[in-house]
C-alpha atoms as a PDB file:
ATOM      1  CA  GLY A   1       0.000   0.000   0.000  1.00  0.00           C
ATOM      2  CA  ARG A   2       0.879   3.670  -0.278  1.00  0.00           C
ATOM      3  CA  GLY A   3      -0.180   6.814   1.553  1.00  0.00           C
ATOM      4  CA  LYS A   4      -2.709   6.003   4.285  1.00  0.00           C
ATOM      5  CA  SER A   5      -2.452   2.308   3.377  1.00  0.00           C
ATOM      6  CA  GLU A   6       1.355   2.247   3.522  1.00  0.00           C
ATOM      7  CA  PHE A   7       1.638  -0.747   5.864  1.00  0.00           C
ATOM      8  CA  TRP A   8      -1.229  -2.791   4.416  1.00  0.00           C
ATOM      9  CA  VAL A   9      -1.719  -5.108   1.475  1.00  0.00           C
ATOM     10  CA  VAL A  10      -4.046  -3.512  -1.086  1.00  0.00           C
ATOM     11  CA  GLU A  11      -6.102  -5.597  -3.506  1.00  0.00           C
ATOM     12  CA  ARG A  12      -7.845  -3.884  -6.411  1.00  0.00           C
ATOM     13  CA  PHE A  13     -10.902  -5.061  -8.309  1.00  0.00           C
ATOM     14  CA  GLY A  14     -11.581  -2.503 -11.005  1.00  0.00           C
ATOM     15  CA  ALA A  15     -12.556   0.748  -9.265  1.00  0.00           C
ATOM     16  CA  LEU A  16     -12.642  -0.886  -5.811  1.00  0.00           C
ATOM     17  CA  ALA A  17      -9.585  -1.096  -3.522  1.00  0.00           C
ATOM     18  CA  PHE A  18      -9.379  -3.007  -0.247  1.00  0.00           C
ATOM     19  CA  ALA A  19      -6.575  -2.310   2.258  1.00  0.00           C
ATOM     20  CA  MET A  20      -5.895  -5.296   4.523  1.00  0.00           C
ATOM     21  CA  ALA A  21      -3.700  -5.931   7.529  1.00  0.00           C
ATOM     22  CA  LEU A  22      -1.861  -9.243   7.836  1.00  0.00           C
ATOM     23  CA  VAL A  23      -2.563 -10.645  11.300  1.00  0.00           C
ATOM     24  CA  VAL A  24      -0.680 -13.691  12.619  1.00  0.00           C
ATOM     25  CA  GLU A  25      -2.936 -16.065  14.575  1.00  0.00           C
ATOM     26  CA  GLY A  26      -1.188 -19.229  15.655  1.00  0.00           C
ATOM     27  CA  ASP A  27       0.060 -20.993  12.510  1.00  0.00           C
ATOM     28  CA  ARG A  28      -2.082 -18.865  10.137  1.00  0.00           C
ATOM     29  CA  VAL A  29      -1.901 -15.425   8.590  1.00  0.00           C
ATOM     30  CA  ARG A  30      -5.318 -13.785   8.431  1.00  0.00           C
ATOM     31  CA  LEU A  31      -6.160 -10.864   6.113  1.00  0.00           C
ATOM     32  CA  VAL A  32      -8.324  -8.237   7.858  1.00  0.00           C
ATOM     33  CA  THR A  33      -9.948  -5.412   5.886  1.00  0.00           C
ATOM     34  CA  ARG A  34      -9.067  -2.035   7.420  1.00  0.00           C
ATOM     35  CA  ARG A  35     -10.396   0.345   4.731  1.00  0.00           C
ATOM     36  CA  TRP A  36     -11.931   0.301   1.299  1.00  0.00           C
ATOM     37  CA  SER A  37     -12.611   2.776  -1.466  1.00  0.00           C
ATOM     38  CA  ALA A  38     -14.259   3.211  -4.859  1.00  0.00           C
ATOM     39  CA  PHE A  39     -12.568   5.411  -7.479  1.00  0.00           C
ATOM     40  CA  GLY A  40     -10.176   6.552  -4.715  1.00  0.00           C
ATOM     41  CA  VAL A  41     -12.995   7.775  -2.432  1.00  0.00           C
ATOM     42  CA  ALA A  42     -13.023   6.193   1.043  1.00  0.00           C
ATOM     43  CA  LEU A  43     -16.212   4.294   1.881  1.00  0.00           C
ATOM     44  CA  PRO A  44     -17.680   3.531   5.330  1.00  0.00           C
ATOM     45  CA  MET A  45     -16.647   0.187   6.786  1.00  0.00           C
ATOM     46  CA  TRP A  46     -20.229  -0.705   7.746  1.00  0.00           C
ATOM     47  CA  LEU A  47     -20.971  -0.942   3.996  1.00  0.00           C
ATOM     48  CA  ALA A  48     -17.897  -3.040   3.221  1.00  0.00           C
ATOM     49  CA  PRO A  49     -18.085  -6.647   2.104  1.00  0.00           C
ATOM     50  CA  ARG A  50     -17.171  -9.040   4.922  1.00  0.00           C
ATOM     51  CA  SER A  51     -14.245 -11.372   4.420  1.00  0.00           C
ATOM     52  CA  LYS A  52     -12.837 -14.408   6.109  1.00  0.00           C
ATOM     53  CA  ALA A  53      -9.438 -15.088   4.578  1.00  0.00           C
ATOM     54  CA  TYR A  54      -6.391 -16.883   5.854  1.00  0.00           C
ATOM     55  CA  GLU A  55      -3.241 -18.606   4.653  1.00  0.00           C
ATOM     56  CA  SER A  56      -1.004 -21.219   6.226  1.00  0.00           C
ATOM     57  CA  GLU A  57       1.872 -23.547   5.427  1.00  0.00           C
ATOM     58  CA  GLU A  58       1.877 -27.239   6.279  1.00  0.00           C
ATOM     59  CA  GLU A  59       4.820 -29.491   5.382  1.00  0.00           C
ATOM     60  CA  GLY A  60       5.934 -27.203   2.569  1.00  0.00           C
ATOM     61  CA  VAL A  61       2.439 -26.802   1.081  1.00  0.00           C
ATOM     62  CA  PHE A  62       0.735 -23.382   0.964  1.00  0.00           C
ATOM     63  CA  HIS A  63      -2.963 -23.547   2.002  1.00  0.00           C
ATOM     64  CA  PHE A  64      -5.525 -20.767   1.570  1.00  0.00           C
ATOM     65  CA  PHE A  65      -9.191 -20.043   2.309  1.00  0.00           C
ATOM     66  CA  VAL A  66     -11.202 -17.012   1.151  1.00  0.00           C
ATOM     67  CA  GLU A  67     -14.859 -16.215   1.792  1.00  0.00           C
ATOM     68  CA  ILE A  68     -16.426 -12.872   0.848  1.00  0.00           C
ATOM     69  CA  SER A  69     -19.995 -11.900   1.645  1.00  0.00           C
ATOM     70  CA  HIS A  70     -22.066  -8.755   2.007  1.00  0.00           C
ATOM     71  CA  PRO A  71     -24.689  -8.077   4.690  1.00  0.00           C
ATOM     72  CA  LEU A  72     -27.316  -7.287   2.021  1.00  0.00           C
ATOM     73  CA  ALA A  73     -26.270  -9.543  -0.883  1.00  0.00           C
ATOM     74  CA  GLY A  74     -25.132 -12.609   1.082  1.00  0.00           C
ATOM     75  CA  LEU A  75     -22.314 -14.900  -0.059  1.00  0.00           C
ATOM     76  CA  ILE A  76     -20.356 -13.512  -3.023  1.00  0.00           C
ATOM     77  CA  VAL A  77     -17.535 -16.036  -3.349  1.00  0.00           C
ATOM     78  CA  ARG A  78     -15.851 -18.812  -1.361  1.00  0.00           C
ATOM     79  CA  TYR A  79     -12.813 -20.779  -2.419  1.00  0.00           C
ATOM     80  CA  SER A  80      -9.965 -22.718  -0.851  1.00  0.00           C
ATOM     81  CA  GLY A  81      -7.044 -24.778  -1.979  1.00  0.00           C
ATOM     82  CA  TRP A  82      -3.358 -25.446  -1.791  1.00  0.00           C
ATOM     83  CA  LEU A  83      -0.218 -24.886  -3.821  1.00  0.00           C
ATOM     84  CA  LYS A  84       2.898 -27.055  -3.880  1.00  0.00           C
ATOM     85  CA  PRO A  85       6.249 -25.647  -4.943  1.00  0.00           C
ATOM     86  CA  GLN A  86       7.562 -26.878  -8.274  1.00  0.00           C
ATOM     87  CA  PRO A  87      10.758 -28.911  -7.936  1.00  0.00           C
ATOM     88  CA  PRO A  88      13.784 -27.217  -9.541  1.00  0.00           C
ATOM     89  CA  GLY A  89      13.985 -28.205 -13.196  1.00  0.00           C
ATOM     90  CA  GLY A  90      10.958 -30.434 -12.900  1.00  0.00           C
ATOM     91  CA  ARG A  91       7.238 -30.435 -13.216  1.00  0.00           C
ATOM     92  CA  ALA A  92       4.795 -29.691 -10.404  1.00  0.00           C
ATOM     93  CA  VAL A  93       3.581 -32.801  -8.616  1.00  0.00           C
END
């Protein structure tokens, strides 16, 4: 991030930007929305989509979970999965 979001991760979806803090909880890193904006204009947090997102590493495998919903619209998207590193010079397993 830059400016007011200097110490946060910022994800952009078209005109929308979401500034998130990375919070360590046990063996996970959780992404917590701290501010959001449309076309660069700050929007109130009570109108923001709600997210439950975290990442972790288990035995060299990266795991992730993301759920985004809105109080009025309900569930927008939910996905989870894992990524394994590709061996040097080889194909992913």
